[in-house]
């Protein structure tokens, strides 16, 4: 059974709403085990215990906040031990052009450097779900679709675990 960690950082609660939507939507796919945690409660060593790592971050100045970057930086201790895991990202911001895609790509870059697999979406938010201010039905629907696709791919990749 694939194990998923949905981790997030939030100050306003918007990214947490998206994290909860992704977590709950993934749990609806049979054969998935999902943990939901704030980034500040995740130890870098825990990342090795999951098949899927999904990080949610608000967009600050076109990038993730330092709390998310710290976890990624600290994960260097396990470089080479996350190879082949599935990675994903989602973000929330104040504006449509507020750096959403650069935030998602920054998280993806870290996952790719770890040797992880990153899923793109052919419809909707291509790099991962994006919420503008309070997540609306459009962004929550993107969270649901993304969660379902990630869970289905995880089952195909890791069903022998």
C-alpha atoms as a PDB file:
ATOM      1  CA  UNK A   1       0.000   0.000   0.000  1.00  0.00           C
ATOM      2  CA  UNK A   2       1.567   3.325  -1.057  1.00  0.00           C
ATOM      3  CA  UNK A   3       2.194   5.756   1.787  1.00  0.00           C
ATOM      4  CA  UNK A   4       1.623   9.442   1.102  1.00  0.00           C
ATOM      5  CA  UNK A   5       2.744  12.477   3.070  1.00  0.00           C
ATOM      6  CA  UNK A   6       0.855  15.688   2.338  1.00  0.00           C
ATOM      7  CA  UNK A   7       2.768  18.441   4.113  1.00  0.00           C
ATOM      8  CA  UNK A   8       2.005  22.132   4.138  1.00  0.00           C
ATOM      9  CA  UNK A   9       2.908  25.486   5.591  1.00  0.00           C
ATOM     10  CA  UNK A  10       0.307  28.178   6.184  1.00  0.00           C
ATOM     11  CA  UNK A  11      -0.106  31.503   7.939  1.00  0.00           C
ATOM     12  CA  UNK A  12      -3.607  32.380   6.738  1.00  0.00           C
ATOM     13  CA  UNK A  13      -5.092  28.872   6.607  1.00  0.00           C
ATOM     14  CA  UNK A  14      -5.513  28.895   2.802  1.00  0.00           C
ATOM     15  CA  UNK A  15      -2.759  26.377   2.074  1.00  0.00           C
ATOM     16  CA  UNK A  16      -4.057  24.167   4.891  1.00  0.00           C
ATOM     17  CA  UNK A  17      -7.520  24.089   3.280  1.00  0.00           C
ATOM     18  CA  UNK A  18      -5.919  22.905   0.049  1.00  0.00           C
ATOM     19  CA  UNK A  19      -3.803  20.324   1.914  1.00  0.00           C
ATOM     20  CA  UNK A  20      -6.892  18.937   3.627  1.00  0.00           C
ATOM     21  CA  UNK A  21      -8.742  18.714   0.297  1.00  0.00           C
ATOM     22  CA  UNK A  22      -5.840  16.856  -1.319  1.00  0.00           C
ATOM     23  CA  UNK A  23      -5.457  14.528   1.661  1.00  0.00           C
ATOM     24  CA  UNK A  24      -9.156  13.671   1.862  1.00  0.00           C
ATOM     25  CA  UNK A  25      -9.428  13.202  -1.904  1.00  0.00           C
ATOM     26  CA  UNK A  26      -6.440  10.840  -1.942  1.00  0.00           C
ATOM     27  CA  UNK A  27      -7.982   8.764   0.846  1.00  0.00           C
ATOM     28  CA  UNK A  28     -10.948   8.080  -1.442  1.00  0.00           C
ATOM     29  CA  UNK A  29      -8.692   6.038  -3.736  1.00  0.00           C
ATOM     30  CA  UNK A  30      -8.550   2.444  -2.564  1.00  0.00           C
ATOM     31  CA  UNK A  31      -5.139   1.229  -1.435  1.00  0.00           C
ATOM     32  CA  UNK A  32      -3.640   4.555  -0.312  1.00  0.00           C
ATOM     33  CA  UNK A  33      -2.454   5.504   3.175  1.00  0.00           C
ATOM     34  CA  UNK A  34      -2.241   9.282   3.706  1.00  0.00           C
ATOM     35  CA  UNK A  35      -0.692  11.361   6.479  1.00  0.00           C
ATOM     36  CA  UNK A  36      -1.291  15.114   6.686  1.00  0.00           C
ATOM     37  CA  UNK A  37       1.224  17.257   8.588  1.00  0.00           C
ATOM     38  CA  UNK A  38       2.399  20.834   8.853  1.00  0.00           C
ATOM     39  CA  UNK A  39       5.891  21.158   7.359  1.00  0.00           C
ATOM     40  CA  UNK A  40       7.256  22.375  10.700  1.00  0.00           C
ATOM     41  CA  UNK A  41       6.297  19.020  12.260  1.00  0.00           C
ATOM     42  CA  UNK A  42       8.066  16.908   9.609  1.00  0.00           C
ATOM     43  CA  UNK A  43      11.543  15.593  10.367  1.00  0.00           C
ATOM     44  CA  UNK A  44      13.747  15.172   7.280  1.00  0.00           C
ATOM     45  CA  UNK A  45      14.306  11.490   8.162  1.00  0.00           C
ATOM     46  CA  UNK A  46      10.538  10.888   7.875  1.00  0.00           C
ATOM     47  CA  UNK A  47      10.634  11.602   4.132  1.00  0.00           C
ATOM     48  CA  UNK A  48      12.248   8.201   3.582  1.00  0.00           C
ATOM     49  CA  UNK A  49       9.158   6.474   5.056  1.00  0.00           C
ATOM     50  CA  UNK A  50       6.811   7.602   2.268  1.00  0.00           C
ATOM     51  CA  UNK A  51       6.338   6.685  -1.386  1.00  0.00           C
ATOM     52  CA  UNK A  52       4.725  10.024  -2.220  1.00  0.00           C
ATOM     53  CA  UNK A  53       5.713  13.479  -0.938  1.00  0.00           C
ATOM     54  CA  UNK A  54       3.422  16.415  -1.683  1.00  0.00           C
ATOM     55  CA  UNK A  55       4.389  19.841  -0.357  1.00  0.00           C
ATOM     56  CA  UNK A  56       2.026  22.794  -0.136  1.00  0.00           C
ATOM     57  CA  UNK A  57       3.430  26.266   0.328  1.00  0.00           C
ATOM     58  CA  UNK A  58       2.120  29.788   0.147  1.00  0.00           C
ATOM     59  CA  UNK A  59       3.890  31.908  -2.442  1.00  0.00           C
ATOM     60  CA  UNK A  60       6.166  34.538  -0.912  1.00  0.00           C
ATOM     61  CA  UNK A  61       8.107  36.719  -3.348  1.00  0.00           C
ATOM     62  CA  UNK A  62       7.774  34.065  -6.059  1.00  0.00           C
ATOM     63  CA  UNK A  63       9.016  31.198  -3.928  1.00  0.00           C
ATOM     64  CA  UNK A  64       8.237  29.011  -0.953  1.00  0.00           C
ATOM     65  CA  UNK A  65       8.570  30.306   2.625  1.00  0.00           C
ATOM     66  CA  UNK A  66      11.725  29.535   4.576  1.00  0.00           C
ATOM     67  CA  UNK A  67       9.948  26.865   6.657  1.00  0.00           C
ATOM     68  CA  UNK A  68       9.480  24.733   3.528  1.00  0.00           C
ATOM     69  CA  UNK A  69      12.938  25.539   2.190  1.00  0.00           C
ATOM     70  CA  UNK A  70      14.477  24.543   5.542  1.00  0.00           C
ATOM     71  CA  UNK A  71      12.917  21.071   5.352  1.00  0.00           C
ATOM     72  CA  UNK A  72      14.195  20.680   1.801  1.00  0.00           C
ATOM     73  CA  UNK A  73      17.652  21.951   2.744  1.00  0.00           C
ATOM     74  CA  UNK A  74      17.786  19.619   5.745  1.00  0.00           C
ATOM     75  CA  UNK A  75      16.757  16.699   3.533  1.00  0.00           C
ATOM     76  CA  UNK A  76      20.213  16.803   1.914  1.00  0.00           C
ATOM     77  CA  UNK A  77      21.233  14.315   4.634  1.00  0.00           C
ATOM     78  CA  UNK A  78      19.132  11.765   2.726  1.00  0.00           C
ATOM     79  CA  UNK A  79      20.272  12.658  -0.776  1.00  0.00           C
ATOM     80  CA  UNK A  80      20.004   9.524  -2.895  1.00  0.00           C
ATOM     81  CA  UNK A  81      17.493   7.893  -0.533  1.00  0.00           C
ATOM     82  CA  UNK A  82      14.391   9.461  -2.093  1.00  0.00           C
ATOM     83  CA  UNK A  83      15.121   8.251  -5.622  1.00  0.00           C
ATOM     84  CA  UNK A  84      12.014   6.955  -7.410  1.00  0.00           C
ATOM     85  CA  UNK A  85       9.497   8.436  -4.990  1.00  0.00           C
ATOM     86  CA  UNK A  86       6.603  10.459  -6.415  1.00  0.00           C
ATOM     87  CA  UNK A  87       6.694  14.179  -5.638  1.00  0.00           C
ATOM     88  CA  UNK A  88       4.157  16.939  -5.983  1.00  0.00           C
ATOM     89  CA  UNK A  89       3.409  20.516  -5.012  1.00  0.00           C
ATOM     90  CA  UNK A  90       0.586  22.988  -4.559  1.00  0.00           C
ATOM     91  CA  UNK A  91       0.482  26.657  -3.613  1.00  0.00           C
ATOM     92  CA  UNK A  92      -1.705  29.564  -2.627  1.00  0.00           C
ATOM     93  CA  UNK A  93      -1.043  33.251  -3.140  1.00  0.00           C
ATOM     94  CA  UNK A  94      -2.652  36.662  -3.043  1.00  0.00           C
ATOM     95  CA  UNK A  95      -2.615  37.237  -6.804  1.00  0.00           C
ATOM     96  CA  UNK A  96      -2.898  35.372 -10.086  1.00  0.00           C
ATOM     97  CA  UNK A  97       0.527  36.640 -11.174  1.00  0.00           C
ATOM     98  CA  UNK A  98       2.016  36.370  -7.709  1.00  0.00           C
ATOM     99  CA  UNK A  99       4.720  33.815  -8.503  1.00  0.00           C
ATOM    100  CA  UNK A 100       2.599  30.679  -8.208  1.00  0.00           C
ATOM    101  CA  UNK A 101       4.323  28.736 -10.967  1.00  0.00           C
ATOM    102  CA  UNK A 102       7.803  29.643  -9.772  1.00  0.00           C
ATOM    103  CA  UNK A 103       6.909  28.412  -6.296  1.00  0.00           C
ATOM    104  CA  UNK A 104       5.671  25.096  -7.678  1.00  0.00           C
ATOM    105  CA  UNK A 105       8.717  24.737  -9.903  1.00  0.00           C
ATOM    106  CA  UNK A 106      11.060  25.469  -6.975  1.00  0.00           C
ATOM    107  CA  UNK A 107       9.530  22.567  -5.062  1.00  0.00           C
ATOM    108  CA  UNK A 108       9.652  20.374  -8.182  1.00  0.00           C
ATOM    109  CA  UNK A 109      13.327  21.249  -8.676  1.00  0.00           C
ATOM    110  CA  UNK A 110      14.108  19.955  -5.193  1.00  0.00           C
ATOM    111  CA  UNK A 111      12.167  16.733  -5.812  1.00  0.00           C
ATOM    112  CA  UNK A 112      13.908  16.231  -9.167  1.00  0.00           C
ATOM    113  CA  UNK A 113      17.349  16.758  -7.613  1.00  0.00           C
ATOM    114  CA  UNK A 114      16.416  14.043  -5.100  1.00  0.00           C
ATOM    115  CA  UNK A 115      15.740  11.766  -8.097  1.00  0.00           C
ATOM    116  CA  UNK A 116      11.987  11.768  -7.586  1.00  0.00           C
ATOM    117  CA  UNK A 117       9.223  11.495 -10.205  1.00  0.00           C
ATOM    118  CA  UNK A 118       7.030  14.584 -10.687  1.00  0.00           C
ATOM    119  CA  UNK A 119       3.538  14.431 -12.203  1.00  0.00           C
ATOM    120  CA  UNK A 120       2.306  17.160 -14.539  1.00  0.00           C
ATOM    121  CA  UNK A 121      -1.345  17.806 -15.299  1.00  0.00           C
ATOM    122  CA  UNK A 122      -2.567  18.166 -18.884  1.00  0.00           C
ATOM    123  CA  UNK A 123      -5.654  20.146 -17.777  1.00  0.00           C
ATOM    124  CA  UNK A 124      -6.164  22.754 -15.103  1.00  0.00           C
ATOM    125  CA  UNK A 125      -3.142  23.830 -13.098  1.00  0.00           C
ATOM    126  CA  UNK A 126      -0.322  22.102 -14.988  1.00  0.00           C
ATOM    127  CA  UNK A 127       2.360  22.155 -12.264  1.00  0.00           C
ATOM    128  CA  UNK A 128       0.052  21.536  -9.307  1.00  0.00           C
ATOM    129  CA  UNK A 129      -3.002  23.153  -7.746  1.00  0.00           C
ATOM    130  CA  UNK A 130      -2.986  26.920  -7.263  1.00  0.00           C
ATOM    131  CA  UNK A 131      -5.316  28.831  -4.972  1.00  0.00           C
ATOM    132  CA  UNK A 132      -5.788  32.590  -5.098  1.00  0.00           C
ATOM    133  CA  UNK A 133      -6.619  34.012  -1.670  1.00  0.00           C
ATOM    134  CA  UNK A 134      -9.264  31.771  -0.080  1.00  0.00           C
ATOM    135  CA  UNK A 135      -9.435  28.584  -2.180  1.00  0.00           C
ATOM    136  CA  UNK A 136     -12.516  28.714  -4.407  1.00  0.00           C
ATOM    137  CA  UNK A 137     -14.360  25.871  -6.109  1.00  0.00           C
ATOM    138  CA  UNK A 138     -12.016  26.020  -9.123  1.00  0.00           C
ATOM    139  CA  UNK A 139      -8.881  25.572  -7.019  1.00  0.00           C
ATOM    140  CA  UNK A 140     -10.500  22.926  -4.792  1.00  0.00           C
ATOM    141  CA  UNK A 141     -11.550  21.008  -7.906  1.00  0.00           C
ATOM    142  CA  UNK A 142      -7.932  21.169  -9.118  1.00  0.00           C
ATOM    143  CA  UNK A 143      -6.876  19.797  -5.711  1.00  0.00           C
ATOM    144  CA  UNK A 144      -9.338  16.892  -6.065  1.00  0.00           C
ATOM    145  CA  UNK A 145      -8.253  16.045  -9.617  1.00  0.00           C
ATOM    146  CA  UNK A 146      -4.579  16.312  -8.721  1.00  0.00           C
ATOM    147  CA  UNK A 147      -5.044  14.114  -5.644  1.00  0.00           C
ATOM    148  CA  UNK A 148      -6.870  11.464  -7.634  1.00  0.00           C
ATOM    149  CA  UNK A 149      -4.211  11.395 -10.371  1.00  0.00           C
ATOM    150  CA  UNK A 150      -1.379  11.287  -7.833  1.00  0.00           C
ATOM    151  CA  UNK A 151      -3.058   8.486  -5.874  1.00  0.00           C
ATOM    152  CA  UNK A 152      -3.773   6.437  -8.995  1.00  0.00           C
ATOM    153  CA  UNK A 153      -0.192   6.830 -10.198  1.00  0.00           C
ATOM    154  CA  UNK A 154       1.134   5.924  -6.756  1.00  0.00           C
ATOM    155  CA  UNK A 155      -0.938   2.735  -6.805  1.00  0.00           C
ATOM    156  CA  UNK A 156       0.472   1.805 -10.206  1.00  0.00           C
ATOM    157  CA  UNK A 157       4.050   2.586  -9.201  1.00  0.00           C
ATOM    158  CA  UNK A 158       4.108   1.215  -5.676  1.00  0.00           C
ATOM    159  CA  UNK A 159       1.373  -1.415  -5.441  1.00  0.00           C
ATOM    160  CA  UNK A 160       3.944  -4.146  -4.749  1.00  0.00           C
ATOM    161  CA  UNK A 161       5.074  -2.486  -1.483  1.00  0.00           C
END
